[in-house]
C-alpha atoms as a PDB file:
ATOM      1  CA  MET A   1     186.774 132.038  98.025  1.00  0.00           C
ATOM      2  CA  ARG A   2     185.954 131.315  94.477  1.00  0.00           C
ATOM      3  CA  CYS A   3     184.774 134.677  93.267  1.00  0.00           C
ATOM      4  CA  ARG A   4     181.480 134.466  91.453  1.00  0.00           C
ATOM      5  CA  SER A   5     181.869 136.632  88.425  1.00  0.00           C
ATOM      6  CA  ALA A   6     178.261 136.700  87.291  1.00  0.00           C
ATOM      7  CA  ALA A   7     174.875 135.346  88.218  1.00  0.00           C
ATOM      8  CA  TRP A   8     173.455 132.440  86.226  1.00  0.00           C
ATOM      9  CA  LEU A   9     171.022 133.222  83.482  1.00  0.00           C
ATOM     10  CA  VAL A  10     167.642 131.963  84.606  1.00  0.00           C
ATOM     11  CA  GLY A  11     164.412 131.154  82.792  1.00  0.00           C
ATOM     12  CA  PRO A  12     165.468 131.418  79.107  1.00  0.00           C
ATOM     13  CA  ALA A  13     163.102 130.501  76.314  1.00  0.00           C
ATOM     14  CA  LEU A  14     163.417 126.858  75.245  1.00  0.00           C
ATOM     15  CA  LEU A  15     164.243 127.885  71.709  1.00  0.00           C
ATOM     16  CA  ALA A  16     167.271 129.835  72.883  1.00  0.00           C
ATOM     17  CA  LEU A  17     169.178 126.596  73.292  1.00  0.00           C
ATOM     18  CA  GLY A  18     167.555 124.693  70.475  1.00  0.00           C
ATOM     19  CA  LEU A  19     166.043 122.062  72.769  1.00  0.00           C
ATOM     20  CA  ALA A  20     162.367 122.584  72.005  1.00  0.00           C
ATOM     21  CA  PRO A  21     162.474 119.680  69.502  1.00  0.00           C
ATOM     22  CA  LEU A  22     162.998 117.206  72.358  1.00  0.00           C
ATOM     23  CA  ALA A  23     159.320 116.333  72.121  1.00  0.00           C
ATOM     24  CA  THR A  24     159.415 115.981  68.335  1.00  0.00           C
ATOM     25  CA  PRO A  25     160.801 112.897  66.541  1.00  0.00           C
ATOM     26  CA  ALA A  26     163.828 113.600  64.385  1.00  0.00           C
ATOM     27  CA  ARG A  27     163.255 112.958  60.698  1.00  0.00           C
ATOM     28  CA  SER A  28     166.539 111.676  59.339  1.00  0.00           C
ATOM     29  CA  ALA A  29     167.474 108.009  58.928  1.00  0.00           C
ATOM     30  CA  GLU A  30     170.394 108.506  61.298  1.00  0.00           C
ATOM     31  CA  ALA A  31     168.082 109.958  63.914  1.00  0.00           C
ATOM     32  CA  SER A  32     165.781 106.944  63.693  1.00  0.00           C
ATOM     33  CA  ALA A  33     168.735 104.643  64.166  1.00  0.00           C
ATOM     34  CA  LEU A  34     169.861 106.583  67.220  1.00  0.00           C
ATOM     35  CA  GLY A  35     166.525 106.200  68.917  1.00  0.00           C
ATOM     36  CA  GLY A  36     166.501 102.456  68.342  1.00  0.00           C
ATOM     37  CA  GLN A  37     170.019 101.840  69.569  1.00  0.00           C
ATOM     38  CA  LEU A  38     170.054 103.774  72.796  1.00  0.00           C
ATOM     39  CA  GLY A  39     166.678 103.220  74.410  1.00  0.00           C
ATOM     40  CA  THR A  40     168.348 101.116  77.108  1.00  0.00           C
ATOM     41  CA  SER A  41     171.907 100.222  77.969  1.00  0.00           C
ATOM     42  CA  ALA A  42     173.168  99.386  74.499  1.00  0.00           C
ATOM     43  CA  PRO A  43     176.156  96.999  74.697  1.00  0.00           C
ATOM     44  CA  ALA A  44     179.614  98.128  73.742  1.00  0.00           C
ATOM     45  CA  LEU A  45     181.178  96.264  70.834  1.00  0.00           C
ATOM     46  CA  ALA A  46     184.926  95.784  71.248  1.00  0.00           C
ATOM     47  CA  GLY A  47     184.954  98.636  73.755  1.00  0.00           C
ATOM     48  CA  VAL A  48     183.146 101.073  71.448  1.00  0.00           C
ATOM     49  CA  ASP A  49     179.512 102.056  71.968  1.00  0.00           C
ATOM     50  CA  PRO A  50     177.425 102.709  68.828  1.00  0.00           C
ATOM     51  CA  ILE A  51     176.577 106.258  69.939  1.00  0.00           C
ATOM     52  CA  THR A  52     178.788 107.360  72.820  1.00  0.00           C
ATOM     53  CA  GLY A  53     181.971 106.027  71.256  1.00  0.00           C
ATOM     54  CA  PRO A  54     184.907 104.401  73.061  1.00  0.00           C
ATOM     55  CA  ARG A  55     184.385 103.227  76.611  1.00  0.00           C
ATOM     56  CA  SER A  56     187.019 103.451  79.297  1.00  0.00           C
ATOM     57  CA  HIS A  57     189.732 100.865  78.697  1.00  0.00           C
ATOM     58  CA  LEU A  58     191.079 101.336  82.218  1.00  0.00           C
ATOM     59  CA  ASN A  59     190.776  98.518  84.711  1.00  0.00           C
ATOM     60  CA  ARG A  60     187.576  98.758  86.770  1.00  0.00           C
ATOM     61  CA  ASP A  61     188.783  97.527  90.160  1.00  0.00           C
ATOM     62  CA  TRP A  62     185.466  97.695  91.996  1.00  0.00           C
ATOM     63  CA  ILE A  63     182.017  96.115  92.010  1.00  0.00           C
ATOM     64  CA  GLY A  64     178.907  97.751  93.434  1.00  0.00           C
ATOM     65  CA  VAL A  65     177.003  95.236  95.556  1.00  0.00           C
ATOM     66  CA  ARG A  66     175.571  97.354  98.389  1.00  0.00           C
ATOM     67  CA  PRO A  67     171.748  97.374  98.155  1.00  0.00           C
ATOM     68  CA  VAL A  68     170.089 100.743  97.593  1.00  0.00           C
ATOM     69  CA  GLU A  69     166.612 101.715  98.759  1.00  0.00           C
ATOM     70  CA  ALA A  70     164.112 102.019  95.912  1.00  0.00           C
ATOM     71  CA  ASP A  71     163.111 105.523  96.996  1.00  0.00           C
ATOM     72  CA  THR A  72     166.654 106.890  97.323  1.00  0.00           C
ATOM     73  CA  PRO A  73     166.634 110.585  96.351  1.00  0.00           C
ATOM     74  CA  ILE A  74     168.866 111.301  93.357  1.00  0.00           C
ATOM     75  CA  LEU A  75     170.480 114.679  92.727  1.00  0.00           C
ATOM     76  CA  VAL A  76     171.751 115.358  89.199  1.00  0.00           C
ATOM     77  CA  LEU A  77     174.463 117.961  88.669  1.00  0.00           C
ATOM     78  CA  ALA A  78     175.876 119.424  85.452  1.00  0.00           C
ATOM     79  CA  GLY A  79     179.630 119.076  85.664  1.00  0.00           C
ATOM     80  CA  HIS A  80     181.635 122.320  85.589  1.00  0.00           C
ATOM     81  CA  ALA A  81     178.555 124.428  86.292  1.00  0.00           C
ATOM     82  CA  ASP A  82     180.442 126.636  88.747  1.00  0.00           C
ATOM     83  CA  SER A  83     183.880 127.076  87.176  1.00  0.00           C
ATOM     84  CA  GLN A  84     183.607 128.964  83.917  1.00  0.00           C
ATOM     85  CA  GLY A  85     186.435 131.299  83.060  1.00  0.00           C
ATOM     86  CA  ILE A  86     188.888 129.614  85.452  1.00  0.00           C
ATOM     87  CA  ALA A  87     191.032 126.508  85.297  1.00  0.00           C
ATOM     88  CA  GLY A  88     188.887 123.465  84.729  1.00  0.00           C
ATOM     89  CA  SER A  89     185.980 124.962  82.773  1.00  0.00           C
ATOM     90  CA  GLY A  90     185.284 121.844  80.703  1.00  0.00           C
ATOM     91  CA  THR A  91     186.462 120.514  77.376  1.00  0.00           C
ATOM     92  CA  SER A  92     185.782 122.606  74.294  1.00  0.00           C
ATOM     93  CA  GLY A  93     184.977 119.538  72.235  1.00  0.00           C
ATOM     94  CA  ALA A  94     186.619 118.616  68.955  1.00  0.00           C
ATOM     95  CA  ALA A  95     184.310 120.796  66.853  1.00  0.00           C
ATOM     96  CA  VAL A  96     185.168 124.036  68.641  1.00  0.00           C
ATOM     97  CA  ALA A  97     188.845 123.096  68.678  1.00  0.00           C
ATOM     98  CA  ALA A  98     188.599 122.773  64.894  1.00  0.00           C
ATOM     99  CA  GLY A  99     187.056 126.240  64.533  1.00  0.00           C
ATOM    100  CA  ALA A 100     183.298 125.726  64.932  1.00  0.00           C
ATOM    101  CA  PRO A 101     181.409 128.272  67.036  1.00  0.00           C
ATOM    102  CA  PRO A 102     180.597 127.208  70.600  1.00  0.00           C
ATOM    103  CA  MET A 103     177.086 126.012  71.339  1.00  0.00           C
ATOM    104  CA  TYR A 104     176.481 128.954  73.665  1.00  0.00           C
ATOM    105  CA  PRO A 105     178.578 132.104  74.173  1.00  0.00           C
ATOM    106  CA  GLY A 106     180.676 132.298  77.299  1.00  0.00           C
ATOM    107  CA  ILE A 107     180.593 128.647  78.358  1.00  0.00           C
ATOM    108  CA  SER A 108     182.428 125.536  77.279  1.00  0.00           C
ATOM    109  CA  ASP A 109     180.652 123.095  75.022  1.00  0.00           C
ATOM    110  CA  GLU A 110     181.035 120.435  77.681  1.00  0.00           C
ATOM    111  CA  LEU A 111     179.041 122.489  80.148  1.00  0.00           C
ATOM    112  CA  TYR A 112     176.378 123.106  77.523  1.00  0.00           C
ATOM    113  CA  TRP A 113     175.883 119.383  76.883  1.00  0.00           C
ATOM    114  CA  ASN A 114     176.226 118.518  80.566  1.00  0.00           C
ATOM    115  CA  MET A 115     173.287 120.820  81.252  1.00  0.00           C
ATOM    116  CA  VAL A 116     171.232 119.470  78.358  1.00  0.00           C
ATOM    117  CA  ILE A 117     171.672 115.858  79.458  1.00  0.00           C
ATOM    118  CA  ALA A 118     171.201 116.634  83.167  1.00  0.00           C
ATOM    119  CA  GLU A 119     167.895 118.411  82.569  1.00  0.00           C
ATOM    120  CA  ALA A 120     166.661 115.664  80.247  1.00  0.00           C
ATOM    121  CA  VAL A 121     167.563 112.998  82.821  1.00  0.00           C
ATOM    122  CA  VAL A 122     165.651 114.807  85.553  1.00  0.00           C
ATOM    123  CA  ALA A 123     162.579 115.359  83.373  1.00  0.00           C
ATOM    124  CA  LEU A 124     162.493 111.750  82.209  1.00  0.00           C
ATOM    125  CA  GLY A 125     163.264 110.391  85.679  1.00  0.00           C
ATOM    126  CA  GLN A 126     160.386 112.361  87.164  1.00  0.00           C
ATOM    127  CA  GLN A 127     158.084 111.005  84.458  1.00  0.00           C
ATOM    128  CA  ARG A 128     159.117 107.506  85.503  1.00  0.00           C
ATOM    129  CA  GLY A 129     158.437 108.171  89.170  1.00  0.00           C
ATOM    130  CA  LEU A 130     161.961 108.558  90.516  1.00  0.00           C
ATOM    131  CA  ARG A 131     162.773 110.900  93.398  1.00  0.00           C
ATOM    132  CA  ILE A 132     165.112 112.915  91.207  1.00  0.00           C
ATOM    133  CA  SER A 133     165.994 116.595  91.058  1.00  0.00           C
ATOM    134  CA  SER A 134     168.760 118.868  89.848  1.00  0.00           C
ATOM    135  CA  TYR A 135     170.857 121.639  91.345  1.00  0.00           C
ATOM    136  CA  ARG A 136     172.030 124.736  89.502  1.00  0.00           C
ATOM    137  CA  PRO A 137     174.753 126.869  91.139  1.00  0.00           C
ATOM    138  CA  PRO A 138     173.762 130.549  91.395  1.00  0.00           C
ATOM    139  CA  PHE A 139     176.937 131.752  89.649  1.00  0.00           C
ATOM    140  CA  ARG A 140     179.075 130.630  86.752  1.00  0.00           C
ATOM    141  CA  THR A 141     182.373 131.008  88.570  1.00  0.00           C
ATOM    142  CA  ILE A 142     183.123 130.078  92.167  1.00  0.00           C
ATOM    143  CA  SER A 143     186.841 130.014  92.879  1.00  0.00           C
ATOM    144  CA  ASP A 144     186.553 128.177  96.200  1.00  0.00           C
ATOM    145  CA  GLY A 145     185.562 124.594  95.488  1.00  0.00           C
ATOM    146  CA  ASP A 146     184.252 124.233  99.047  1.00  0.00           C
ATOM    147  CA  HIS A 147     182.000 127.281  98.904  1.00  0.00           C
ATOM    148  CA  PRO A 148     178.520 126.160 100.044  1.00  0.00           C
ATOM    149  CA  SER A 149     177.005 126.925  96.617  1.00  0.00           C
ATOM    150  CA  THR A 150     179.281 124.694  94.522  1.00  0.00           C
ATOM    151  CA  ASN A 151     178.318 121.370  93.006  1.00  0.00           C
ATOM    152  CA  TRP A 152     180.872 119.774  95.318  1.00  0.00           C
ATOM    153  CA  SER A 153     179.328 121.189  98.486  1.00  0.00           C
ATOM    154  CA  VAL A 154     175.697 120.588  97.569  1.00  0.00           C
ATOM    155  CA  GLY A 155     176.465 117.129  96.206  1.00  0.00           C
ATOM    156  CA  ARG A 156     178.468 116.195  99.295  1.00  0.00           C
ATOM    157  CA  GLN A 157     175.626 117.253 101.580  1.00  0.00           C
ATOM    158  CA  HIS A 158     173.122 115.261  99.522  1.00  0.00           C
ATOM    159  CA  ALA A 159     175.304 112.140  99.588  1.00  0.00           C
ATOM    160  CA  ALA A 160     176.019 112.476 103.305  1.00  0.00           C
ATOM    161  CA  SER A 161     172.287 112.559 104.011  1.00  0.00           C
ATOM    162  CA  GLY A 162     171.783 109.225 102.246  1.00  0.00           C
ATOM    163  CA  GLY A 163     170.997 110.391  98.714  1.00  0.00           C
ATOM    164  CA  TYR A 164     172.792 109.646  95.464  1.00  0.00           C
ATOM    165  CA  ALA A 165     174.604 112.548  93.799  1.00  0.00           C
ATOM    166  CA  LEU A 166     175.369 112.111  90.085  1.00  0.00           C
ATOM    167  CA  GLU A 167     177.391 114.661  88.112  1.00  0.00           C
ATOM    168  CA  ILE A 168     177.156 114.548  84.312  1.00  0.00           C
ATOM    169  CA  HIS A 169     180.302 115.043  82.231  1.00  0.00           C
ATOM    170  CA  PHE A 170     181.647 114.613  78.728  1.00  0.00           C
ATOM    171  CA  ASP A 171     185.262 113.494  78.464  1.00  0.00           C
ATOM    172  CA  ALA A 172     187.998 115.367  76.625  1.00  0.00           C
ATOM    173  CA  TRP A 173     188.375 114.823  72.904  1.00  0.00           C
ATOM    174  CA  GLY A 174     191.504 113.340  71.379  1.00  0.00           C
ATOM    175  CA  PRO A 175     194.306 111.626  73.305  1.00  0.00           C
ATOM    176  CA  ASP A 176     193.541 113.487  76.537  1.00  0.00           C
ATOM    177  CA  GLY A 177     190.197 111.714  76.901  1.00  0.00           C
ATOM    178  CA  VAL A 178     189.566 108.140  78.013  1.00  0.00           C
ATOM    179  CA  GLY A 179     185.951 107.495  77.054  1.00  0.00           C
ATOM    180  CA  SER A 180     182.625 106.816  78.701  1.00  0.00           C
ATOM    181  CA  GLY A 181     182.273 105.344  82.150  1.00  0.00           C
ATOM    182  CA  LEU A 182     181.413 105.938  85.789  1.00  0.00           C
ATOM    183  CA  ILE A 183     183.959 107.253  88.278  1.00  0.00           C
ATOM    184  CA  PRO A 184     182.388 106.009  91.518  1.00  0.00           C
ATOM    185  CA  PRO A 185     181.888 107.946  94.764  1.00  0.00           C
ATOM    186  CA  LEU A 186     184.370 107.076  97.489  1.00  0.00           C
ATOM    187  CA  HIS A 187     182.486 107.917 100.690  1.00  0.00           C
ATOM    188  CA  ARG A 188     180.899 104.498 101.253  1.00  0.00           C
ATOM    189  CA  PRO A 189     180.997 100.931  99.879  1.00  0.00           C
ATOM    190  CA  PHE A 190     180.064 100.862  96.216  1.00  0.00           C
ATOM    191  CA  GLY A 191     176.356 100.285  95.637  1.00  0.00           C
ATOM    192  CA  ARG A 192     173.988  98.910  93.068  1.00  0.00           C
ATOM    193  CA  LEU A 193     173.441 102.367  91.532  1.00  0.00           C
ATOM    194  CA  ASP A 194     177.166 102.625  90.869  1.00  0.00           C
ATOM    195  CA  GLU A 195     177.243  99.139  89.376  1.00  0.00           C
ATOM    196  CA  SER A 196     174.221  99.693  87.146  1.00  0.00           C
ATOM    197  CA  LEU A 197     175.624 102.916  85.680  1.00  0.00           C
ATOM    198  CA  ALA A 198     178.990 101.235  85.112  1.00  0.00           C
ATOM    199  CA  GLU A 199     177.307  98.350  83.318  1.00  0.00           C
ATOM    200  CA  ALA A 200     175.502 100.838  81.069  1.00  0.00           C
ATOM    201  CA  PHE A 201     178.461 103.145  80.300  1.00  0.00           C
ATOM    202  CA  GLY A 202     181.640 101.414  81.450  1.00  0.00           C
ATOM    203  CA  GLY A 203     183.714 102.137  84.532  1.00  0.00           C
ATOM    204  CA  PHE A 204     186.877 103.867  85.703  1.00  0.00           C
ATOM    205  CA  PRO A 205     189.207 102.738  88.511  1.00  0.00           C
ATOM    206  CA  MET A 206     188.071 103.790  91.970  1.00  0.00           C
ATOM    207  CA  ALA A 207     191.126 106.027  92.457  1.00  0.00           C
ATOM    208  CA  PHE A 208     191.245 107.493  88.946  1.00  0.00           C
ATOM    209  CA  ARG A 209     193.879 110.260  88.831  1.00  0.00           C
ATOM    210  CA  GLY A 210     194.494 109.853  92.532  1.00  0.00           C
ATOM    211  CA  GLY A 211     190.871 110.414  93.479  1.00  0.00           C
ATOM    212  CA  LEU A 212     188.989 113.337  91.979  1.00  0.00           C
ATOM    213  CA  GLY A 213     187.327 116.082  94.005  1.00  0.00           C
ATOM    214  CA  GLY A 214     183.765 114.963  93.289  1.00  0.00           C
ATOM    215  CA  PRO A 215     184.141 111.273  94.184  1.00  0.00           C
ATOM    216  CA  ARG A 216     186.096 112.157  97.316  1.00  0.00           C
ATOM    217  CA  ARG A 217     183.036 114.134  98.384  1.00  0.00           C
ATOM    218  CA  GLY A 218     180.611 111.305  97.621  1.00  0.00           C
ATOM    219  CA  ILE A 219     179.603 112.409  94.105  1.00  0.00           C
ATOM    220  CA  ALA A 220     179.507 109.905  91.244  1.00  0.00           C
ATOM    221  CA  LEU A 221     180.953 111.283  87.987  1.00  0.00           C
ATOM    222  CA  LEU A 222     179.463 109.909  84.777  1.00  0.00           C
ATOM    223  CA  GLU A 223     181.488 110.449  81.617  1.00  0.00           C
ATOM    224  CA  VAL A 224     178.891 110.141  78.848  1.00  0.00           C
ATOM    225  CA  GLY A 225     181.570 109.916  76.174  1.00  0.00           C
ATOM    226  CA  LYS A 226     184.413 111.798  74.530  1.00  0.00           C
ATOM    227  CA  LEU A 227     183.125 115.031  72.995  1.00  0.00           C
ATOM    228  CA  GLU A 228     184.168 114.204  69.459  1.00  0.00           C
ATOM    229  CA  GLY A 229     183.273 112.101  66.447  1.00  0.00           C
ATOM    230  CA  ARG A 230     179.816 110.669  65.890  1.00  0.00           C
ATOM    231  CA  LEU A 231     178.618 111.527  69.392  1.00  0.00           C
ATOM    232  CA  GLU A 232     179.434 115.213  69.023  1.00  0.00           C
ATOM    233  CA  ARG A 233     178.095 115.362  65.467  1.00  0.00           C
ATOM    234  CA  SER A 234     174.825 113.762  66.541  1.00  0.00           C
ATOM    235  CA  LEU A 235     174.441 116.277  69.348  1.00  0.00           C
ATOM    236  CA  ARG A 236     175.283 119.294  67.202  1.00  0.00           C
ATOM    237  CA  ASN A 237     173.085 118.287  64.259  1.00  0.00           C
ATOM    238  CA  PRO A 238     169.563 119.673  64.907  1.00  0.00           C
ATOM    239  CA  ALA A 239     168.055 116.724  63.007  1.00  0.00           C
ATOM    240  CA  THR A 240     169.621 114.086  65.271  1.00  0.00           C
ATOM    241  CA  ARG A 241     169.965 116.073  68.495  1.00  0.00           C
ATOM    242  CA  PRO A 242     166.545 115.279  70.031  1.00  0.00           C
ATOM    243  CA  ASP A 243     166.891 111.521  69.591  1.00  0.00           C
ATOM    244  CA  THR A 244     170.502 111.553  70.763  1.00  0.00           C
ATOM    245  CA  VAL A 245     169.697 113.497  73.924  1.00  0.00           C
ATOM    246  CA  MET A 246     166.671 111.333  74.649  1.00  0.00           C
ATOM    247  CA  ALA A 247     168.597 108.125  74.033  1.00  0.00           C
ATOM    248  CA  ILE A 248     171.401 109.096  76.411  1.00  0.00           C
ATOM    249  CA  ALA A 249     168.951 110.329  79.056  1.00  0.00           C
ATOM    250  CA  SER A 250     166.901 107.146  78.727  1.00  0.00           C
ATOM    251  CA  ARG A 251     169.972 104.981  79.204  1.00  0.00           C
ATOM    252  CA  ILE A 252     170.925 106.886  82.338  1.00  0.00           C
ATOM    253  CA  VAL A 253     167.421 106.760  83.801  1.00  0.00           C
ATOM    254  CA  THR A 254     167.054 103.064  82.974  1.00  0.00           C
ATOM    255  CA  ALA A 255     170.358 102.372  84.730  1.00  0.00           C
ATOM    256  CA  LEU A 256     169.109 104.304  87.761  1.00  0.00           C
ATOM    257  CA  GLU A 257     165.894 102.299  87.785  1.00  0.00           C
ATOM    258  CA  VAL A 258     167.806  99.019  87.658  1.00  0.00           C
ATOM    259  CA  GLY A 259     170.190 100.167  90.384  1.00  0.00           C
ATOM    260  CA  LEU A 260     167.240 101.042  92.600  1.00  0.00           C
ATOM    261  CA  GLY A 261     165.768  97.579  92.087  1.00  0.00           C
ATOM    262  CA  ARG A 262     162.854  98.864  90.026  1.00  0.00           C
ATOM    263  CA  SER A 263     161.493  97.430  86.814  1.00  0.00           C
ATOM    264  CA  PRO A 264     162.927  99.603  84.040  1.00  0.00           C
ATOM    265  CA  THR A 265     160.632 101.489  81.709  1.00  0.00           C
ATOM    266  CA  ILE A 266     161.653 100.160  78.302  1.00  0.00           C
ATOM    267  CA  THR A 267     159.889 102.685  76.077  1.00  0.00           C
ATOM    268  CA  PRO A 268     160.611 106.310  77.056  1.00  0.00           C
ATOM    269  CA  GLN A 269     157.797 108.846  76.934  1.00  0.00           C
ATOM    270  CA  PRO A 270     158.358 112.073  74.985  1.00  0.00           C
ATOM    271  CA  LEU A 271     159.535 114.909  77.164  1.00  0.00           C
ATOM    272  CA  SER A 272     157.168 117.807  77.612  1.00  0.00           C
ATOM    273  CA  PRO A 273     159.110 120.944  78.570  1.00  0.00           C
ATOM    274  CA  GLN A 274     158.085 122.136  82.024  1.00  0.00           C
ATOM    275  CA  PRO A 275     158.121 125.645  83.495  1.00  0.00           C
ATOM    276  CA  GLY A 276     161.613 126.740  84.417  1.00  0.00           C
ATOM    277  CA  GLY A 277     163.301 124.921  81.573  1.00  0.00           C
ATOM    278  CA  VAL A 278     163.066 121.274  82.684  1.00  0.00           C
ATOM    279  CA  GLY A 279     163.649 119.246  79.569  1.00  0.00           C
ATOM    280  CA  SER A 280     165.696 122.029  78.033  1.00  0.00           C
ATOM    281  CA  ALA A 281     169.152 123.346  78.684  1.00  0.00           C
ATOM    282  CA  PRO A 282     169.423 126.441  80.863  1.00  0.00           C
ATOM    283  CA  PRO A 283     171.910 128.777  79.211  1.00  0.00           C
ATOM    284  CA  GLY A 284     175.161 130.074  80.527  1.00  0.00           C
ATOM    285  CA  LYS A 285     176.359 127.756  83.301  1.00  0.00           C
ATOM    286  CA  GLY A 286     179.919 126.986  84.245  1.00  0.00           C
ATOM    287  CA  LEU A 287     182.075 123.860  84.088  1.00  0.00           C
ATOM    288  CA  GLN A 288     185.487 122.521  84.803  1.00  0.00           C
ATOM    289  CA  ALA A 289     187.861 120.863  82.383  1.00  0.00           C
ATOM    290  CA  SER A 290     187.547 117.209  81.531  1.00  0.00           C
ATOM    291  CA  SER A 291     188.343 114.539  84.098  1.00  0.00           C
ATOM    292  CA  GLY A 292     191.563 116.165  85.230  1.00  0.00           C
ATOM    293  CA  ASP A 293     190.046 118.825  87.484  1.00  0.00           C
ATOM    294  CA  LYS A 294     186.725 117.317  88.480  1.00  0.00           C
END
């Protein structure tokens, strides 16, 4: 079994992770530009998105045409939330690799941002009336990927019961990363939710790296972007962070709405942090390394 080294930290103050400003407009000119560009699925120009950076250049050899019920329950997972301190804990990001302090002690920067985006997506999706929730593993490290508490196990059960399981990731920085895009689930014919997310972020081949653990279990993996460059700077900068997080979350939720056959909500509502940290990032979860061990 994957030995769980420590229990997750639960119920931290919003300020502990610097996410309280999610409900407050950023003040810089760059922040204003971010909010305008990413409210919906901003198009990629020459394979590069204005915020999330390069999109996957790999051949997308699938199309999602299977209809999806409008009330399909969606489960959002933070990638690498159960594998800290072991192989596959998530990319450090270019900033940490260059000597910057990590966003939160004891976890990879990828996990930190995976959690931030996942919680924002759930909060915004609930505001827009989606049947959407998140799952947080009870420990940071579970050595057995098939332990019933892992993302893989909970996501597989959700997908097998007819729901849509979506795991949030950031791709590796530098030459090891590919870029943004959806790696689709492999347990059933590709559906409209898969297609809509791929249209919004780009897409990977169905059998990327031989078929990753999540997709083989019915979990869609969304690479938001390589954790480097403008995307990483906009996330790390407190002035631009709220708009960047909201813009990415809004694009994801809008893609989900479209995939469900709903009319998308064009103008996102400000997030109001809820009890238990919804709309903020819970501290200290675990991840796995970039796409290679997902």
